[in-house]
Amino acid sequence: MSVDRPRVRTWRRTLHALAPIGRARAVRLRADTGPLAPAVLRRPRQGQVGDCWVMAAMLAIHETAPERLRAMLEEDADGGVLVQLPTVAEPIRVERRYPVDEQGRWLHGRRDGANPGWVGALEKAIAQHVAGGYRFLQSGFGRFGLEVLTGQRVRSMLRLPSAQEIISWRGEHRAILASTHPFSPSVASPVGPLPRNHVFAVVGADPRSGHVHLRNPGRPGDVLVLDAVRFRRGFLSVDVSAPLR
C-alpha cells in the first residue's frame, strides 16, 4: 500500500524562496557530549535561528506523543546520530557538533536548560536534508514542520478554533500550532506584546472561561494563557495534525 507523504521538494523550494539573502558566515562548532535522549525528554527550546515553525512543531509533538521524537533517533558507533525523518526513505546521519558563539554558548535549538541533545540532532537533520542548511530554516510555515516530523498531512485553518474544539483535538492526541501575523505586537499578553510572524504550540484550553493555553518555543517552560478575544486578534491561523497515538 502506498503512503501519501508530503512532498519534501516543495518544502525545499518554498524555504529557499522565503530565506533571507546574504552571505553565509563562518561559524564555530562545539561537540555535544551531553545526553541525547534520556528517559525523560526535556522540552525543545528555540535558539537564535528563526525556525519557530520547526521548533514549535517539535514542542507540539513533545506535548502530545514524545515517543515519536525518540523513535526517530539512533546513536551510531562513531558518536553520530542517525535521524529517521518520516518523510525521508533513508536515515540522515548528523555529527553532534553544533554552532556556538565566542563564549561557547549554543546558538541553535537545544533541550530546555541543557545541551542540544535530541533537539539539536533533529534540527540539524532537517536543516541539512530538507532545507539545505540552517540559513534556509529562517522562515517557514508551521504546517511544514508538523508534516516533516510526522509524515502526515496537516490541516491548516484560518478560522480559529474555540476552546471546546481545542480540548476535543487534544483528547484525540493531535498536535496543534497557532501562528501570529505581522500586526500581532499590537495585541497585549500577560508577558508583553505578541511576537509577529511567530509559531506557538497550542497545549490546551479552559472549557469554562474559553482561555487558550500556548507554549512559545523560545520559552517552552511557560504556559501563555490568552482569552478568546486576544487569541482571535493575535493569531492568524492554526495547524492541526492527525491523531498521533
C-alpha atoms as a PDB file:
ATOM      1  CA  MET A   1       0.000   0.000   0.000  1.00  0.00           C
ATOM      2  CA  SER A   2       1.448   3.389  -0.963  1.00  0.00           C
ATOM      3  CA  VAL A   3       1.964   6.071   1.682  1.00  0.00           C
ATOM      4  CA  ASP A   4       0.672   9.568   0.952  1.00  0.00           C
ATOM      5  CA  ARG A   5       3.710  11.553   2.103  1.00  0.00           C
ATOM      6  CA  PRO A   6       4.093  15.323   1.841  1.00  0.00           C
ATOM      7  CA  ARG A   7       6.422  16.498  -0.944  1.00  0.00           C
ATOM      8  CA  VAL A   8       9.785  17.418   0.561  1.00  0.00           C
ATOM      9  CA  ARG A   9      10.902  19.122  -2.641  1.00  0.00           C
ATOM     10  CA  THR A  10       8.009  21.532  -2.414  1.00  0.00           C
ATOM     11  CA  TRP A  11       9.086  22.476   1.120  1.00  0.00           C
ATOM     12  CA  ARG A  12      12.654  22.986  -0.051  1.00  0.00           C
ATOM     13  CA  ARG A  13      11.646  25.321  -2.885  1.00  0.00           C
ATOM     14  CA  THR A  14       9.392  27.278  -0.562  1.00  0.00           C
ATOM     15  CA  LEU A  15      12.023  27.598   2.168  1.00  0.00           C
ATOM     16  CA  HIS A  16      14.657  28.778  -0.300  1.00  0.00           C
ATOM     17  CA  ALA A  17      12.244  31.404  -1.585  1.00  0.00           C
ATOM     18  CA  LEU A  18      11.496  32.633   1.936  1.00  0.00           C
ATOM     19  CA  ALA A  19      15.092  32.588   3.224  1.00  0.00           C
ATOM     20  CA  PRO A  20      16.861  35.949   3.664  1.00  0.00           C
ATOM     21  CA  ILE A  21      19.535  36.648   1.075  1.00  0.00           C
ATOM     22  CA  GLY A  22      23.094  37.152   2.267  1.00  0.00           C
ATOM     23  CA  ARG A  23      26.486  35.548   2.504  1.00  0.00           C
ATOM     24  CA  ALA A  24      26.903  32.682   4.956  1.00  0.00           C
ATOM     25  CA  ARG A  25      29.349  33.411   7.777  1.00  0.00           C
ATOM     26  CA  ALA A  26      31.917  31.021   9.177  1.00  0.00           C
ATOM     27  CA  VAL A  27      30.710  29.562  12.467  1.00  0.00           C
ATOM     28  CA  ARG A  28      32.367  27.997  15.466  1.00  0.00           C
ATOM     29  CA  LEU A  29      31.348  24.408  16.208  1.00  0.00           C
ATOM     30  CA  ARG A  30      31.352  22.614  19.535  1.00  0.00           C
ATOM     31  CA  ALA A  31      30.905  18.905  20.177  1.00  0.00           C
ATOM     32  CA  ASP A  32      27.809  17.976  22.160  1.00  0.00           C
ATOM     33  CA  THR A  33      28.888  15.363  24.691  1.00  0.00           C
ATOM     34  CA  GLY A  34      25.747  15.572  26.826  1.00  0.00           C
ATOM     35  CA  PRO A  35      22.785  13.180  26.842  1.00  0.00           C
ATOM     36  CA  LEU A  36      20.967  12.609  23.563  1.00  0.00           C
ATOM     37  CA  ALA A  37      17.525  11.402  24.624  1.00  0.00           C
ATOM     38  CA  PRO A  38      17.256  10.466  28.337  1.00  0.00           C
ATOM     39  CA  ALA A  39      14.262   8.671  29.795  1.00  0.00           C
ATOM     40  CA  VAL A  40      12.512  11.999  30.346  1.00  0.00           C
ATOM     41  CA  LEU A  41      12.715  14.278  27.311  1.00  0.00           C
ATOM     42  CA  ARG A  42      13.141  17.947  28.146  1.00  0.00           C
ATOM     43  CA  ARG A  43      11.110  20.339  26.041  1.00  0.00           C
ATOM     44  CA  PRO A  44      12.762  21.733  22.903  1.00  0.00           C
ATOM     45  CA  ARG A  45      13.895  25.350  23.099  1.00  0.00           C
ATOM     46  CA  GLN A  46      14.417  27.565  20.069  1.00  0.00           C
ATOM     47  CA  GLY A  47      17.833  29.169  19.644  1.00  0.00           C
ATOM     48  CA  GLN A  48      18.903  32.150  17.564  1.00  0.00           C
ATOM     49  CA  VAL A  49      17.728  30.656  14.284  1.00  0.00           C
ATOM     50  CA  GLY A  50      14.294  31.934  13.283  1.00  0.00           C
ATOM     51  CA  ASP A  51      12.912  28.431  12.839  1.00  0.00           C
ATOM     52  CA  CYS A  52       9.908  28.630  15.139  1.00  0.00           C
ATOM     53  CA  TRP A  53       7.976  26.619  12.536  1.00  0.00           C
ATOM     54  CA  VAL A  54      10.304  23.666  13.253  1.00  0.00           C
ATOM     55  CA  MET A  55      10.733  24.166  16.993  1.00  0.00           C
ATOM     56  CA  ALA A  56       7.038  24.784  17.696  1.00  0.00           C
ATOM     57  CA  ALA A  57       6.227  21.591  15.779  1.00  0.00           C
ATOM     58  CA  MET A  58       8.729  19.670  17.940  1.00  0.00           C
ATOM     59  CA  LEU A  59       7.186  21.242  21.030  1.00  0.00           C
ATOM     60  CA  ALA A  60       3.629  20.364  19.994  1.00  0.00           C
ATOM     61  CA  ILE A  61       4.614  16.745  19.311  1.00  0.00           C
ATOM     62  CA  HIS A  62       6.537  16.625  22.592  1.00  0.00           C
ATOM     63  CA  GLU A  63       3.345  17.677  24.398  1.00  0.00           C
ATOM     64  CA  THR A  64       1.309  15.054  22.549  1.00  0.00           C
ATOM     65  CA  ALA A  65       3.396  11.974  21.707  1.00  0.00           C
ATOM     66  CA  PRO A  66       7.060  12.389  22.766  1.00  0.00           C
ATOM     67  CA  GLU A  67       7.776   8.746  21.950  1.00  0.00           C
ATOM     68  CA  ARG A  68       7.560   9.678  18.269  1.00  0.00           C
ATOM     69  CA  LEU A  69      10.517  12.029  18.653  1.00  0.00           C
ATOM     70  CA  ARG A  70      12.627   9.448  20.459  1.00  0.00           C
ATOM     71  CA  ALA A  71      11.856   6.817  17.794  1.00  0.00           C
ATOM     72  CA  MET A  72      13.476   8.967  15.094  1.00  0.00           C
ATOM     73  CA  LEU A  73      16.920   8.833  16.743  1.00  0.00           C
ATOM     74  CA  GLU A  74      19.619   6.197  16.931  1.00  0.00           C
ATOM     75  CA  GLU A  75      23.208   6.755  18.061  1.00  0.00           C
ATOM     76  CA  ASP A  76      25.835   5.106  15.875  1.00  0.00           C
ATOM     77  CA  ALA A  77      29.177   3.600  16.824  1.00  0.00           C
ATOM     78  CA  ASP A  78      31.135   6.683  15.745  1.00  0.00           C
ATOM     79  CA  GLY A  79      29.267   9.072  18.030  1.00  0.00           C
ATOM     80  CA  GLY A  80      26.945  10.470  15.399  1.00  0.00           C
ATOM     81  CA  VAL A  81      23.154  10.220  15.255  1.00  0.00           C
ATOM     82  CA  LEU A  82      21.020   8.510  12.636  1.00  0.00           C
ATOM     83  CA  VAL A  83      17.831  10.528  12.220  1.00  0.00           C
ATOM     84  CA  GLN A  84      14.919   8.793  10.516  1.00  0.00           C
ATOM     85  CA  LEU A  85      12.519  11.501   9.403  1.00  0.00           C
ATOM     86  CA  PRO A  86       9.148  10.002   8.396  1.00  0.00           C
ATOM     87  CA  THR A  87       9.262  11.779   5.043  1.00  0.00           C
ATOM     88  CA  VAL A  88      12.732  10.513   4.079  1.00  0.00           C
ATOM     89  CA  ALA A  89      13.454   6.970   2.895  1.00  0.00           C
ATOM     90  CA  GLU A  90      16.927   6.571   4.438  1.00  0.00           C
ATOM     91  CA  PRO A  91      18.268   7.713   7.831  1.00  0.00           C
ATOM     92  CA  ILE A  92      20.162  11.007   7.853  1.00  0.00           C
ATOM     93  CA  ARG A  93      23.460  10.894   9.724  1.00  0.00           C
ATOM     94  CA  VAL A  94      24.402  14.028  11.646  1.00  0.00           C
ATOM     95  CA  GLU A  95      27.524  14.827  13.633  1.00  0.00           C
ATOM     96  CA  ARG A  96      26.904  16.062  17.160  1.00  0.00           C
ATOM     97  CA  ARG A  97      28.752  19.316  16.508  1.00  0.00           C
ATOM     98  CA  TYR A  98      26.696  22.486  16.642  1.00  0.00           C
ATOM     99  CA  PRO A  99      27.266  26.243  16.251  1.00  0.00           C
ATOM    100  CA  VAL A 100      28.278  28.267  19.321  1.00  0.00           C
ATOM    101  CA  ASP A 101      29.123  31.901  19.989  1.00  0.00           C
ATOM    102  CA  GLU A 102      32.542  33.208  21.019  1.00  0.00           C
ATOM    103  CA  GLN A 103      31.840  32.201  24.621  1.00  0.00           C
ATOM    104  CA  GLY A 104      30.987  28.645  23.564  1.00  0.00           C
ATOM    105  CA  ARG A 105      27.238  29.008  24.185  1.00  0.00           C
ATOM    106  CA  TRP A 106      24.885  27.042  21.961  1.00  0.00           C
ATOM    107  CA  LEU A 107      23.284  29.186  19.250  1.00  0.00           C
ATOM    108  CA  HIS A 108      20.664  26.815  17.895  1.00  0.00           C
ATOM    109  CA  GLY A 109      17.933  24.539  19.249  1.00  0.00           C
ATOM    110  CA  ARG A 110      18.577  22.616  22.443  1.00  0.00           C
ATOM    111  CA  ARG A 111      16.905  20.773  25.267  1.00  0.00           C
ATOM    112  CA  ASP A 112      15.419  23.415  27.560  1.00  0.00           C
ATOM    113  CA  GLY A 113      18.062  24.295  30.138  1.00  0.00           C
ATOM    114  CA  ALA A 114      20.530  21.744  28.809  1.00  0.00           C
ATOM    115  CA  ASN A 115      22.626  20.636  25.814  1.00  0.00           C
ATOM    116  CA  PRO A 116      21.336  20.298  22.217  1.00  0.00           C
ATOM    117  CA  GLY A 117      20.740  16.531  22.573  1.00  0.00           C
ATOM    118  CA  TRP A 118      17.827  15.192  20.563  1.00  0.00           C
ATOM    119  CA  VAL A 119      16.624  18.692  19.673  1.00  0.00           C
ATOM    120  CA  GLY A 120      19.905  19.652  18.024  1.00  0.00           C
ATOM    121  CA  ALA A 121      20.081  16.375  16.110  1.00  0.00           C
ATOM    122  CA  LEU A 122      16.571  16.713  14.696  1.00  0.00           C
ATOM    123  CA  GLU A 123      17.027  20.381  13.832  1.00  0.00           C
ATOM    124  CA  LYS A 124      20.331  19.667  12.077  1.00  0.00           C
ATOM    125  CA  ALA A 125      18.865  16.772  10.095  1.00  0.00           C
ATOM    126  CA  ILE A 126      16.025  18.971   8.879  1.00  0.00           C
ATOM    127  CA  ALA A 127      18.432  21.805   8.098  1.00  0.00           C
ATOM    128  CA  GLN A 128      20.850  19.741   6.033  1.00  0.00           C
ATOM    129  CA  HIS A 129      18.411  17.440   4.215  1.00  0.00           C
ATOM    130  CA  VAL A 130      15.087  19.215   3.883  1.00  0.00           C
ATOM    131  CA  ALA A 131      16.095  22.879   3.867  1.00  0.00           C
ATOM    132  CA  GLY A 132      19.674  22.717   2.555  1.00  0.00           C
ATOM    133  CA  GLY A 133      21.279  24.488   5.523  1.00  0.00           C
ATOM    134  CA  TYR A 134      20.490  26.347   8.724  1.00  0.00           C
ATOM    135  CA  ARG A 135      20.118  29.621   6.811  1.00  0.00           C
ATOM    136  CA  PHE A 136      17.077  28.262   4.993  1.00  0.00           C
ATOM    137  CA  LEU A 137      15.297  27.477   8.267  1.00  0.00           C
ATOM    138  CA  GLN A 138      14.889  31.193   8.934  1.00  0.00           C
ATOM    139  CA  SER A 139      11.323  31.294   7.601  1.00  0.00           C
ATOM    140  CA  GLY A 140       8.654  28.690   7.177  1.00  0.00           C
ATOM    141  CA  PHE A 141       5.115  27.613   7.963  1.00  0.00           C
ATOM    142  CA  GLY A 142       4.094  25.556  10.978  1.00  0.00           C
ATOM    143  CA  ARG A 143       2.326  23.064   8.729  1.00  0.00           C
ATOM    144  CA  PHE A 144       5.669  22.195   7.103  1.00  0.00           C
ATOM    145  CA  GLY A 145       7.209  21.473  10.498  1.00  0.00           C
ATOM    146  CA  LEU A 146       4.437  19.113  11.524  1.00  0.00           C
ATOM    147  CA  GLU A 147       4.469  17.334   8.180  1.00  0.00           C
ATOM    148  CA  VAL A 148       8.214  16.736   8.113  1.00  0.00           C
ATOM    149  CA  LEU A 149       8.157  15.394  11.686  1.00  0.00           C
ATOM    150  CA  THR A 150       5.035  13.229  11.384  1.00  0.00           C
ATOM    151  CA  GLY A 151       4.976  12.227   7.716  1.00  0.00           C
ATOM    152  CA  GLN A 152       1.255  13.010   7.651  1.00  0.00           C
ATOM    153  CA  ARG A 153      -0.897  15.631   6.017  1.00  0.00           C
ATOM    154  CA  VAL A 154      -1.756  18.552   8.271  1.00  0.00           C
ATOM    155  CA  ARG A 155      -4.969  20.557   8.295  1.00  0.00           C
ATOM    156  CA  SER A 156      -4.494  24.356   8.174  1.00  0.00           C
ATOM    157  CA  MET A 157      -7.343  26.702   9.047  1.00  0.00           C
ATOM    158  CA  LEU A 158      -7.831  30.459   9.035  1.00  0.00           C
ATOM    159  CA  ARG A 159     -10.914  30.117  11.205  1.00  0.00           C
ATOM    160  CA  LEU A 160      -9.565  29.952  14.725  1.00  0.00           C
ATOM    161  CA  PRO A 161     -10.979  27.162  16.912  1.00  0.00           C
ATOM    162  CA  SER A 162     -12.990  27.530  20.080  1.00  0.00           C
ATOM    163  CA  ALA A 163     -11.757  26.237  23.422  1.00  0.00           C
ATOM    164  CA  GLN A 164     -14.046  23.216  23.076  1.00  0.00           C
ATOM    165  CA  GLU A 165     -12.571  22.336  19.679  1.00  0.00           C
ATOM    166  CA  ILE A 166      -9.044  22.583  21.090  1.00  0.00           C
ATOM    167  CA  ILE A 167      -9.971  20.342  24.014  1.00  0.00           C
ATOM    168  CA  SER A 168     -11.501  17.816  21.607  1.00  0.00           C
ATOM    169  CA  TRP A 169      -8.388  17.778  19.399  1.00  0.00           C
ATOM    170  CA  ARG A 170      -6.102  17.414  22.390  1.00  0.00           C
ATOM    171  CA  GLY A 171      -8.223  14.493  23.585  1.00  0.00           C
ATOM    172  CA  GLU A 172      -7.608  12.854  20.200  1.00  0.00           C
ATOM    173  CA  HIS A 173      -3.831  13.308  20.653  1.00  0.00           C
ATOM    174  CA  ARG A 174      -3.437  15.819  17.854  1.00  0.00           C
ATOM    175  CA  ALA A 175      -0.536  18.287  17.746  1.00  0.00           C
ATOM    176  CA  ILE A 176      -1.734  21.878  17.290  1.00  0.00           C
ATOM    177  CA  LEU A 177       0.105  25.010  16.204  1.00  0.00           C
ATOM    178  CA  ALA A 178      -1.051  28.625  16.085  1.00  0.00           C
ATOM    179  CA  SER A 179       0.666  31.360  14.051  1.00  0.00           C
ATOM    180  CA  THR A 180       0.688  35.092  14.683  1.00  0.00           C
ATOM    181  CA  HIS A 181       0.602  37.760  11.957  1.00  0.00           C
ATOM    182  CA  PRO A 182       2.556  40.972  11.162  1.00  0.00           C
ATOM    183  CA  PHE A 183       0.341  43.104  13.425  1.00  0.00           C
ATOM    184  CA  SER A 184       0.319  40.787  16.430  1.00  0.00           C
ATOM    185  CA  PRO A 185       2.625  43.051  18.523  1.00  0.00           C
ATOM    186  CA  SER A 186      -0.358  45.387  18.886  1.00  0.00           C
ATOM    187  CA  VAL A 187      -2.054  42.684  20.981  1.00  0.00           C
ATOM    188  CA  ALA A 188      -1.009  42.659  24.628  1.00  0.00           C
ATOM    189  CA  SER A 189      -0.454  39.440  26.538  1.00  0.00           C
ATOM    190  CA  PRO A 190       0.500  38.665  30.154  1.00  0.00           C
ATOM    191  CA  VAL A 191       4.177  38.624  29.097  1.00  0.00           C
ATOM    192  CA  GLY A 192       4.086  41.599  26.733  1.00  0.00           C
ATOM    193  CA  PRO A 193       3.179  42.150  23.069  1.00  0.00           C
ATOM    194  CA  LEU A 194       2.769  39.025  20.979  1.00  0.00           C
ATOM    195  CA  PRO A 195       5.687  38.449  18.575  1.00  0.00           C
ATOM    196  CA  ARG A 196       4.953  38.922  14.893  1.00  0.00           C
ATOM    197  CA  ASN A 197       5.013  36.027  12.428  1.00  0.00           C
ATOM    198  CA  HIS A 198       5.727  33.500  15.156  1.00  0.00           C
ATOM    199  CA  VAL A 199       4.502  29.932  15.687  1.00  0.00           C
ATOM    200  CA  PHE A 200       3.311  28.660  19.085  1.00  0.00           C
ATOM    201  CA  ALA A 201       2.299  25.192  20.246  1.00  0.00           C
ATOM    202  CA  VAL A 202      -1.295  25.039  21.465  1.00  0.00           C
ATOM    203  CA  VAL A 203      -1.351  22.793  24.533  1.00  0.00           C
ATOM    204  CA  GLY A 204      -4.878  23.157  25.918  1.00  0.00           C
ATOM    205  CA  ALA A 205      -7.844  25.358  26.746  1.00  0.00           C
ATOM    206  CA  ASP A 206     -10.241  26.111  29.590  1.00  0.00           C
ATOM    207  CA  PRO A 207     -13.810  24.962  28.779  1.00  0.00           C
ATOM    208  CA  ARG A 208     -15.386  27.395  31.245  1.00  0.00           C
ATOM    209  CA  SER A 209     -13.535  30.632  30.529  1.00  0.00           C
ATOM    210  CA  GLY A 210     -12.626  29.908  26.896  1.00  0.00           C
ATOM    211  CA  HIS A 211      -8.978  30.759  27.531  1.00  0.00           C
ATOM    212  CA  VAL A 212      -6.395  29.166  25.229  1.00  0.00           C
ATOM    213  CA  HIS A 213      -3.108  27.731  26.569  1.00  0.00           C
ATOM    214  CA  LEU A 214       0.029  28.052  24.447  1.00  0.00           C
ATOM    215  CA  ARG A 215       3.760  27.441  24.703  1.00  0.00           C
ATOM    216  CA  ASN A 216       6.309  29.648  22.972  1.00  0.00           C
ATOM    217  CA  PRO A 217       9.274  27.613  21.619  1.00  0.00           C
ATOM    218  CA  GLY A 218      11.519  30.432  22.796  1.00  0.00           C
ATOM    219  CA  ARG A 219      10.260  29.997  26.393  1.00  0.00           C
ATOM    220  CA  PRO A 220       8.852  26.449  26.404  1.00  0.00           C
ATOM    221  CA  GLY A 221       8.675  26.093  30.175  1.00  0.00           C
ATOM    222  CA  ASP A 222       5.986  28.789  30.497  1.00  0.00           C
ATOM    223  CA  VAL A 223       2.331  28.481  29.542  1.00  0.00           C
ATOM    224  CA  LEU A 224       0.864  31.579  27.920  1.00  0.00           C
ATOM    225  CA  VAL A 225      -2.844  31.930  28.694  1.00  0.00           C
ATOM    226  CA  LEU A 226      -4.944  34.133  26.402  1.00  0.00           C
ATOM    227  CA  ASP A 227      -8.642  34.898  26.481  1.00  0.00           C
ATOM    228  CA  ALA A 228     -10.659  34.127  23.362  1.00  0.00           C
ATOM    229  CA  VAL A 229     -10.695  37.758  22.172  1.00  0.00           C
ATOM    230  CA  ARG A 230      -6.925  38.179  22.325  1.00  0.00           C
ATOM    231  CA  PHE A 231      -6.417  34.800  20.732  1.00  0.00           C
ATOM    232  CA  ARG A 232      -8.602  35.803  17.779  1.00  0.00           C
ATOM    233  CA  ARG A 233      -6.908  39.188  17.449  1.00  0.00           C
ATOM    234  CA  GLY A 234      -3.353  37.978  17.825  1.00  0.00           C
ATOM    235  CA  PHE A 235      -3.339  34.807  15.729  1.00  0.00           C
ATOM    236  CA  LEU A 236      -3.884  34.282  12.038  1.00  0.00           C
ATOM    237  CA  SER A 237      -4.186  30.516  11.603  1.00  0.00           C
ATOM    238  CA  VAL A 238      -3.923  27.104  13.221  1.00  0.00           C
ATOM    239  CA  ASP A 239      -2.431  23.822  12.000  1.00  0.00           C
ATOM    240  CA  VAL A 240      -3.737  20.503  13.320  1.00  0.00           C
ATOM    241  CA  SER A 241      -2.121  17.101  12.840  1.00  0.00           C
ATOM    242  CA  ALA A 242      -3.789  13.736  12.529  1.00  0.00           C
ATOM    243  CA  PRO A 243      -4.049  11.739  15.785  1.00  0.00           C
ATOM    244  CA  LEU A 244      -0.506  10.821  16.874  1.00  0.00           C
ATOM    245  CA  ARG A 245      -1.491   7.910  19.116  1.00  0.00           C
END
